[in-house]
Amino acid sequence: MAKHSHCFVETFNGLVGYGLDRQTDEDTVQIYLQKFSDDHLMKTILKRMSDDDLTEIFEVTSKMLKKYLTEPEYHQLFLKEKE
């Protein structure tokens, strides 16, 4: 069984757009992130990104993980470690 899932992008049929309201913003960010992390897209885009682009994505992602997850949540939800 796969450890990672991207079910939301596969089943969501609401509005995708940013700036209307908080729920639509959250849904849109989730859609964008799940679509962005698609293996085929990543294979294409990563080779084209500059070192600065890679650093920026890594730093923003790391910042969000540190800011919004506790240490146990980081291990459980991001690293997918078993308790």
PDB file of N, CA and C in Angstrom:
ATOM      1  N   MET A   1       0.845  -1.189   0.000  1.00  0.00           N
ATOM      2  CA  MET A   1       0.000   0.000   0.000  1.00  0.00           C
ATOM      3  C   MET A   1       0.888   1.250   0.000  1.00  0.00           C
ATOM      4  N   ALA A   2       0.536   2.198  -0.807  1.00  0.00           N
ATOM      5  CA  ALA A   2       1.310   3.436  -0.911  1.00  0.00           C
ATOM      6  C   ALA A   2       1.207   4.246   0.380  1.00  0.00           C
ATOM      7  N   LYS A   3       2.305   4.898   0.734  1.00  0.00           N
ATOM      8  CA  LYS A   3       2.312   5.754   1.921  1.00  0.00           C
ATOM      9  C   LYS A   3       1.714   7.123   1.632  1.00  0.00           C
ATOM     10  N   HIS A   4       1.826   7.585   0.410  1.00  0.00           N
ATOM     11  CA  HIS A   4       1.382   8.929   0.055  1.00  0.00           C
ATOM     12  C   HIS A   4       0.092   8.869  -0.754  1.00  0.00           C
ATOM     13  N   SER A   5      -0.699   9.923  -0.630  1.00  0.00           N
ATOM     14  CA  SER A   5      -1.961   9.961  -1.370  1.00  0.00           C
ATOM     15  C   SER A   5      -2.172  11.351  -1.957  1.00  0.00           C
ATOM     16  N   HIS A   6      -2.888  11.375  -3.030  1.00  0.00           N
ATOM     17  CA  HIS A   6      -3.292  12.625  -3.674  1.00  0.00           C
ATOM     18  C   HIS A   6      -4.756  12.488  -4.103  1.00  0.00           C
ATOM     19  N   CYS A   7      -5.585  12.050  -3.186  1.00  0.00           N
ATOM     20  CA  CYS A   7      -6.993  11.783  -3.497  1.00  0.00           C
ATOM     21  C   CYS A   7      -7.800  13.048  -3.746  1.00  0.00           C
ATOM     22  N   PHE A   8      -7.480  14.123  -3.048  1.00  0.00           N
ATOM     23  CA  PHE A   8      -8.275  15.351  -3.155  1.00  0.00           C
ATOM     24  C   PHE A   8      -8.345  15.843  -4.590  1.00  0.00           C
ATOM     25  N   VAL A   9      -7.214  15.900  -5.247  1.00  0.00           N
ATOM     26  CA  VAL A   9      -7.163  16.403  -6.627  1.00  0.00           C
ATOM     27  C   VAL A   9      -7.959  15.505  -7.577  1.00  0.00           C
ATOM     28  N   GLU A  10      -8.077  14.245  -7.243  1.00  0.00           N
ATOM     29  CA  GLU A  10      -8.790  13.287  -8.092  1.00  0.00           C
ATOM     30  C   GLU A  10     -10.306  13.362  -7.919  1.00  0.00           C
ATOM     31  N   THR A  11     -10.758  13.861  -6.781  1.00  0.00           N
ATOM     32  CA  THR A  11     -12.193  13.830  -6.502  1.00  0.00           C
ATOM     33  C   THR A  11     -12.838  15.219  -6.387  1.00  0.00           C
ATOM     34  N   PHE A  12     -12.043  16.260  -6.246  1.00  0.00           N
ATOM     35  CA  PHE A  12     -12.580  17.612  -6.046  1.00  0.00           C
ATOM     36  C   PHE A  12     -13.264  18.107  -7.316  1.00  0.00           C
ATOM     37  N   ASN A  13     -14.457  18.672  -7.150  1.00  0.00           N
ATOM     38  CA  ASN A  13     -15.156  19.213  -8.321  1.00  0.00           C
ATOM     39  C   ASN A  13     -15.694  20.617  -8.058  1.00  0.00           C
ATOM     40  N   GLY A  14     -15.078  21.294  -7.090  1.00  0.00           N
ATOM     41  CA  GLY A  14     -15.494  22.654  -6.771  1.00  0.00           C
ATOM     42  C   GLY A  14     -14.701  23.692  -7.544  1.00  0.00           C
ATOM     43  N   LEU A  15     -14.834  24.915  -7.109  1.00  0.00           N
ATOM     44  CA  LEU A  15     -14.170  26.040  -7.740  1.00  0.00           C
ATOM     45  C   LEU A  15     -12.679  26.043  -7.418  1.00  0.00           C
ATOM     46  N   VAL A  16     -11.855  26.214  -8.441  1.00  0.00           N
ATOM     47  CA  VAL A  16     -10.424  26.405  -8.257  1.00  0.00           C
ATOM     48  C   VAL A  16     -10.125  27.853  -8.626  1.00  0.00           C
ATOM     49  N   GLY A  17      -9.769  28.614  -7.636  1.00  0.00           N
ATOM     50  CA  GLY A  17      -9.470  30.023  -7.827  1.00  0.00           C
ATOM     51  C   GLY A  17      -9.038  30.600  -6.498  1.00  0.00           C
ATOM     52  N   TYR A  18      -8.269  31.637  -6.523  1.00  0.00           N
ATOM     53  CA  TYR A  18      -7.719  32.179  -5.289  1.00  0.00           C
ATOM     54  C   TYR A  18      -8.244  33.586  -5.047  1.00  0.00           C
ATOM     55  N   GLY A  19      -8.588  33.881  -3.783  1.00  0.00           N
ATOM     56  CA  GLY A  19      -8.985  35.216  -3.394  1.00  0.00           C
ATOM     57  C   GLY A  19     -10.467  35.402  -3.131  1.00  0.00           C
ATOM     58  N   LEU A  20     -11.268  34.374  -3.329  1.00  0.00           N
ATOM     59  CA  LEU A  20     -12.710  34.492  -3.115  1.00  0.00           C
ATOM     60  C   LEU A  20     -13.062  34.382  -1.633  1.00  0.00           C
ATOM     61  N   ASP A  21     -12.638  33.295  -1.006  1.00  0.00           N
ATOM     62  CA  ASP A  21     -12.883  33.070   0.414  1.00  0.00           C
ATOM     63  C   ASP A  21     -11.866  32.047   0.926  1.00  0.00           C
ATOM     64  N   ARG A  22     -11.795  31.895   2.218  1.00  0.00           N
ATOM     65  CA  ARG A  22     -10.774  31.033   2.830  1.00  0.00           C
ATOM     66  C   ARG A  22     -10.887  29.589   2.349  1.00  0.00           C
ATOM     67  N   GLN A  23     -12.087  29.015   2.326  1.00  0.00           N
ATOM     68  CA  GLN A  23     -12.234  27.617   1.931  1.00  0.00           C
ATOM     69  C   GLN A  23     -11.807  27.385   0.486  1.00  0.00           C
ATOM     70  N   THR A  24     -12.203  28.277  -0.404  1.00  0.00           N
ATOM     71  CA  THR A  24     -11.800  28.155  -1.807  1.00  0.00           C
ATOM     72  C   THR A  24     -10.288  28.316  -1.935  1.00  0.00           C
ATOM     73  N   ASP A  25      -9.693  29.218  -1.159  1.00  0.00           N
ATOM     74  CA  ASP A  25      -8.239  29.384  -1.168  1.00  0.00           C
ATOM     75  C   ASP A  25      -7.541  28.101  -0.713  1.00  0.00           C
ATOM     76  N   GLU A  26      -8.029  27.499   0.377  1.00  0.00           N
ATOM     77  CA  GLU A  26      -7.434  26.257   0.873  1.00  0.00           C
ATOM     78  C   GLU A  26      -7.561  25.144  -0.165  1.00  0.00           C
ATOM     79  N   ASP A  27      -8.743  25.007  -0.747  1.00  0.00           N
ATOM     80  CA  ASP A  27      -8.964  23.980  -1.776  1.00  0.00           C
ATOM     81  C   ASP A  27      -8.029  24.206  -2.966  1.00  0.00           C
ATOM     82  N   THR A  28      -7.893  25.447  -3.386  1.00  0.00           N
ATOM     83  CA  THR A  28      -7.059  25.779  -4.539  1.00  0.00           C
ATOM     84  C   THR A  28      -5.589  25.481  -4.264  1.00  0.00           C
ATOM     85  N   VAL A  29      -5.110  25.833  -3.083  1.00  0.00           N
ATOM     86  CA  VAL A  29      -3.715  25.531  -2.730  1.00  0.00           C
ATOM     87  C   VAL A  29      -3.494  24.020  -2.711  1.00  0.00           C
ATOM     88  N   GLN A  30      -4.446  23.276  -2.165  1.00  0.00           N
ATOM     89  CA  GLN A  30      -4.296  21.812  -2.138  1.00  0.00           C
ATOM     90  C   GLN A  30      -4.279  21.241  -3.553  1.00  0.00           C
ATOM     91  N   ILE A  31      -5.163  21.705  -4.403  1.00  0.00           N
ATOM     92  CA  ILE A  31      -5.178  21.262  -5.803  1.00  0.00           C
ATOM     93  C   ILE A  31      -3.846  21.580  -6.472  1.00  0.00           C
ATOM     94  N   TYR A  32      -3.384  22.819  -6.344  1.00  0.00           N
ATOM     95  CA  TYR A  32      -2.126  23.230  -6.982  1.00  0.00           C
ATOM     96  C   TYR A  32      -0.950  22.397  -6.485  1.00  0.00           C
ATOM     97  N   LEU A  33      -0.863  22.191  -5.178  1.00  0.00           N
ATOM     98  CA  LEU A  33       0.265  21.427  -4.631  1.00  0.00           C
ATOM     99  C   LEU A  33       0.222  19.971  -5.072  1.00  0.00           C
ATOM    100  N   GLN A  34      -0.966  19.374  -5.092  1.00  0.00           N
ATOM    101  CA  GLN A  34      -1.057  17.986  -5.528  1.00  0.00           C
ATOM    102  C   GLN A  34      -0.752  17.852  -7.013  1.00  0.00           C
ATOM    103  N   LYS A  35      -1.236  18.762  -7.808  1.00  0.00           N
ATOM    104  CA  LYS A  35      -0.930  18.717  -9.237  1.00  0.00           C
ATOM    105  C   LYS A  35       0.546  19.006  -9.488  1.00  0.00           C
ATOM    106  N   PHE A  36       1.100  19.953  -8.737  1.00  0.00           N
ATOM    107  CA  PHE A  36       2.505  20.322  -8.897  1.00  0.00           C
ATOM    108  C   PHE A  36       3.427  19.152  -8.564  1.00  0.00           C
ATOM    109  N   SER A  37       3.055  18.354  -7.571  1.00  0.00           N
ATOM    110  CA  SER A  37       3.926  17.263  -7.140  1.00  0.00           C
ATOM    111  C   SER A  37       3.756  15.981  -7.956  1.00  0.00           C
ATOM    112  N   ASP A  38       2.945  16.016  -8.983  1.00  0.00           N
ATOM    113  CA  ASP A  38       2.771  14.856  -9.863  1.00  0.00           C
ATOM    114  C   ASP A  38       4.134  14.395 -10.389  1.00  0.00           C
ATOM    115  N   ASP A  39       4.382  13.109 -10.348  1.00  0.00           N
ATOM    116  CA  ASP A  39       5.680  12.563 -10.755  1.00  0.00           C
ATOM    117  C   ASP A  39       6.091  12.979 -12.164  1.00  0.00           C
ATOM    118  N   HIS A  40       5.170  12.943 -13.098  1.00  0.00           N
ATOM    119  CA  HIS A  40       5.507  13.288 -14.486  1.00  0.00           C
ATOM    120  C   HIS A  40       5.846  14.778 -14.625  1.00  0.00           C
ATOM    121  N   LEU A  41       5.092  15.620 -13.941  1.00  0.00           N
ATOM    122  CA  LEU A  41       5.387  17.050 -13.967  1.00  0.00           C
ATOM    123  C   LEU A  41       6.739  17.321 -13.317  1.00  0.00           C
ATOM    124  N   MET A  42       6.991  16.698 -12.170  1.00  0.00           N
ATOM    125  CA  MET A  42       8.262  16.910 -11.473  1.00  0.00           C
ATOM    126  C   MET A  42       9.446  16.483 -12.342  1.00  0.00           C
ATOM    127  N   LYS A  43       9.307  15.376 -13.035  1.00  0.00           N
ATOM    128  CA  LYS A  43      10.383  14.894 -13.909  1.00  0.00           C
ATOM    129  C   LYS A  43      10.716  15.943 -14.974  1.00  0.00           C
ATOM    130  N   THR A  44       9.715  16.634 -15.449  1.00  0.00           N
ATOM    131  CA  THR A  44       9.906  17.659 -16.481  1.00  0.00           C
ATOM    132  C   THR A  44      10.441  18.961 -15.895  1.00  0.00           C
ATOM    133  N   ILE A  45       9.796  19.448 -14.856  1.00  0.00           N
ATOM    134  CA  ILE A  45      10.088  20.796 -14.381  1.00  0.00           C
ATOM    135  C   ILE A  45      11.377  20.891 -13.562  1.00  0.00           C
ATOM    136  N   LEU A  46      11.702  19.864 -12.788  1.00  0.00           N
ATOM    137  CA  LEU A  46      12.892  19.946 -11.930  1.00  0.00           C
ATOM    138  C   LEU A  46      14.171  20.169 -12.726  1.00  0.00           C
ATOM    139  N   LYS A  47      14.301  19.530 -13.854  1.00  0.00           N
ATOM    140  CA  LYS A  47      15.502  19.678 -14.687  1.00  0.00           C
ATOM    141  C   LYS A  47      15.622  21.088 -15.260  1.00  0.00           C
ATOM    142  N   ARG A  48      14.515  21.797 -15.349  1.00  0.00           N
ATOM    143  CA  ARG A  48      14.510  23.143 -15.925  1.00  0.00           C
ATOM    144  C   ARG A  48      14.677  24.242 -14.878  1.00  0.00           C
ATOM    145  N   MET A  49      14.495  23.901 -13.628  1.00  0.00           N
ATOM    146  CA  MET A  49      14.556  24.897 -12.564  1.00  0.00           C
ATOM    147  C   MET A  49      15.998  25.263 -12.249  1.00  0.00           C
ATOM    148  N   SER A  50      16.190  26.538 -11.925  1.00  0.00           N
ATOM    149  CA  SER A  50      17.516  26.995 -11.523  1.00  0.00           C
ATOM    150  C   SER A  50      17.808  26.518 -10.104  1.00  0.00           C
ATOM    151  N   ASP A  51      19.067  26.621  -9.717  1.00  0.00           N
ATOM    152  CA  ASP A  51      19.436  26.287  -8.344  1.00  0.00           C
ATOM    153  C   ASP A  51      18.682  27.173  -7.362  1.00  0.00           C
ATOM    154  N   ASP A  52      18.506  28.437  -7.704  1.00  0.00           N
ATOM    155  CA  ASP A  52      17.756  29.356  -6.841  1.00  0.00           C
ATOM    156  C   ASP A  52      16.299  28.936  -6.707  1.00  0.00           C
ATOM    157  N   ASP A  53      15.687  28.478  -7.799  1.00  0.00           N
ATOM    158  CA  ASP A  53      14.298  28.005  -7.752  1.00  0.00           C
ATOM    159  C   ASP A  53      14.172  26.792  -6.833  1.00  0.00           C
ATOM    160  N   LEU A  54      15.091  25.859  -6.973  1.00  0.00           N
ATOM    161  CA  LEU A  54      15.068  24.665  -6.125  1.00  0.00           C
ATOM    162  C   LEU A  54      15.211  25.042  -4.656  1.00  0.00           C
ATOM    163  N   THR A  55      16.143  25.933  -4.380  1.00  0.00           N
ATOM    164  CA  THR A  55      16.357  26.394  -3.007  1.00  0.00           C
ATOM    165  C   THR A  55      15.113  27.066  -2.456  1.00  0.00           C
ATOM    166  N   GLU A  56      14.481  27.895  -3.270  1.00  0.00           N
ATOM    167  CA  GLU A  56      13.281  28.608  -2.829  1.00  0.00           C
ATOM    168  C   GLU A  56      12.157  27.639  -2.465  1.00  0.00           C
ATOM    169  N   ILE A  57      11.908  26.662  -3.302  1.00  0.00           N
ATOM    170  CA  ILE A  57      10.851  25.682  -3.020  1.00  0.00           C
ATOM    171  C   ILE A  57      11.183  24.886  -1.767  1.00  0.00           C
ATOM    172  N   PHE A  58      12.427  24.455  -1.653  1.00  0.00           N
ATOM    173  CA  PHE A  58      12.838  23.692  -0.469  1.00  0.00           C
ATOM    174  C   PHE A  58      12.675  24.528   0.800  1.00  0.00           C
ATOM    175  N   GLU A  59      13.116  25.780   0.764  1.00  0.00           N
ATOM    176  CA  GLU A  59      13.050  26.630   1.948  1.00  0.00           C
ATOM    177  C   GLU A  59      11.616  26.972   2.348  1.00  0.00           C
ATOM    178  N   VAL A  60      10.772  27.264   1.376  1.00  0.00           N
ATOM    179  CA  VAL A  60       9.364  27.566   1.689  1.00  0.00           C
ATOM    180  C   VAL A  60       8.680  26.338   2.278  1.00  0.00           C
ATOM    181  N   THR A  61       8.898  25.190   1.680  1.00  0.00           N
ATOM    182  CA  THR A  61       8.293  23.951   2.179  1.00  0.00           C
ATOM    183  C   THR A  61       8.777  23.639   3.587  1.00  0.00           C
ATOM    184  N   SER A  62      10.070  23.732   3.803  1.00  0.00           N
ATOM    185  CA  SER A  62      10.639  23.466   5.131  1.00  0.00           C
ATOM    186  C   SER A  62      10.094  24.434   6.169  1.00  0.00           C
ATOM    187  N   LYS A  63       9.982  25.702   5.794  1.00  0.00           N
ATOM    188  CA  LYS A  63       9.450  26.722   6.699  1.00  0.00           C
ATOM    189  C   LYS A  63       8.021  26.387   7.118  1.00  0.00           C
ATOM    190  N   MET A  64       7.180  25.984   6.169  1.00  0.00           N
ATOM    191  CA  MET A  64       5.789  25.648   6.477  1.00  0.00           C
ATOM    192  C   MET A  64       5.706  24.422   7.387  1.00  0.00           C
ATOM    193  N   LEU A  65       6.525  23.429   7.111  1.00  0.00           N
ATOM    194  CA  LEU A  65       6.527  22.231   7.955  1.00  0.00           C
ATOM    195  C   LEU A  65       6.917  22.574   9.383  1.00  0.00           C
ATOM    196  N   LYS A  66       7.963  23.363   9.543  1.00  0.00           N
ATOM    197  CA  LYS A  66       8.433  23.746  10.879  1.00  0.00           C
ATOM    198  C   LYS A  66       7.421  24.629  11.602  1.00  0.00           C
ATOM    199  N   LYS A  67       6.770  25.496  10.872  1.00  0.00           N
ATOM    200  CA  LYS A  67       5.849  26.452  11.469  1.00  0.00           C
ATOM    201  C   LYS A  67       4.528  25.817  11.916  1.00  0.00           C
ATOM    202  N   TYR A  68       4.026  24.866  11.139  1.00  0.00           N
ATOM    203  CA  TYR A  68       2.676  24.374  11.376  1.00  0.00           C
ATOM    204  C   TYR A  68       2.555  22.939  11.874  1.00  0.00           C
ATOM    205  N   LEU A  69       3.661  22.216  11.942  1.00  0.00           N
ATOM    206  CA  LEU A  69       3.609  20.853  12.464  1.00  0.00           C
ATOM    207  C   LEU A  69       4.446  20.732  13.726  1.00  0.00           C
ATOM    208  N   THR A  70       3.930  19.970  14.668  1.00  0.00           N
ATOM    209  CA  THR A  70       4.746  19.614  15.827  1.00  0.00           C
ATOM    210  C   THR A  70       5.766  18.573  15.376  1.00  0.00           C
ATOM    211  N   GLU A  71       6.742  18.323  16.206  1.00  0.00           N
ATOM    212  CA  GLU A  71       7.759  17.308  15.874  1.00  0.00           C
ATOM    213  C   GLU A  71       7.124  15.937  15.620  1.00  0.00           C
ATOM    214  N   PRO A  72       6.205  15.469  16.500  1.00  0.00           N
ATOM    215  CA  PRO A  72       5.555  14.181  16.224  1.00  0.00           C
ATOM    216  C   PRO A  72       4.737  14.191  14.927  1.00  0.00           C
ATOM    217  N   GLU A  73       4.047  15.296  14.641  1.00  0.00           N
ATOM    218  CA  GLU A  73       3.274  15.394  13.399  1.00  0.00           C
ATOM    219  C   GLU A  73       4.197  15.352  12.187  1.00  0.00           C
ATOM    220  N   TYR A  74       5.328  16.021  12.282  1.00  0.00           N
ATOM    221  CA  TYR A  74       6.307  16.002  11.192  1.00  0.00           C
ATOM    222  C   TYR A  74       6.739  14.564  10.883  1.00  0.00           C
ATOM    223  N   HIS A  75       7.043  13.811  11.912  1.00  0.00           N
ATOM    224  CA  HIS A  75       7.483  12.425  11.707  1.00  0.00           C
ATOM    225  C   HIS A  75       6.345  11.547  11.193  1.00  0.00           C
ATOM    226  N   GLN A  76       5.165  11.743  11.727  1.00  0.00           N
ATOM    227  CA  GLN A  76       4.026  10.919  11.329  1.00  0.00           C
ATOM    228  C   GLN A  76       3.460  11.316   9.969  1.00  0.00           C
ATOM    229  N   LEU A  77       3.192  12.597   9.774  1.00  0.00           N
ATOM    230  CA  LEU A  77       2.481  13.047   8.576  1.00  0.00           C
ATOM    231  C   LEU A  77       3.379  13.304   7.374  1.00  0.00           C
ATOM    232  N   PHE A  78       4.569  13.839   7.605  1.00  0.00           N
ATOM    233  CA  PHE A  78       5.467  14.147   6.488  1.00  0.00           C
ATOM    234  C   PHE A  78       6.429  13.000   6.201  1.00  0.00           C
ATOM    235  N   LEU A  79       7.121  12.536   7.220  1.00  0.00           N
ATOM    236  CA  LEU A  79       8.090  11.441   7.004  1.00  0.00           C
ATOM    237  C   LEU A  79       7.417  10.078   6.890  1.00  0.00           C
ATOM    238  N   LYS A  80       6.163   9.990   7.318  1.00  0.00           N
ATOM    239  CA  LYS A  80       5.385   8.744   7.260  1.00  0.00           C
ATOM    240  C   LYS A  80       6.022   7.642   8.078  1.00  0.00           C
ATOM    241  N   GLU A  81       6.621   8.040   9.198  1.00  0.00           N
ATOM    242  CA  GLU A  81       7.211   7.058  10.103  1.00  0.00           C
ATOM    243  C   GLU A  81       6.111   6.433  10.957  1.00  0.00           C
ATOM    244  N   LYS A  82       6.259   5.179  11.221  1.00  0.00           N
ATOM    245  CA  LYS A  82       5.308   4.501  12.105  1.00  0.00           C
ATOM    246  C   LYS A  82       5.677   4.804  13.540  1.00  0.00           C
ATOM    247  N   GLU A  83       4.662   4.873  14.369  1.00  0.00           N
ATOM    248  CA  GLU A  83       4.901   5.174  15.789  1.00  0.00           C
ATOM    249  C   GLU A  83       5.557   4.038  16.506  1.00  0.00           C
TER     250      GLU A  83
END
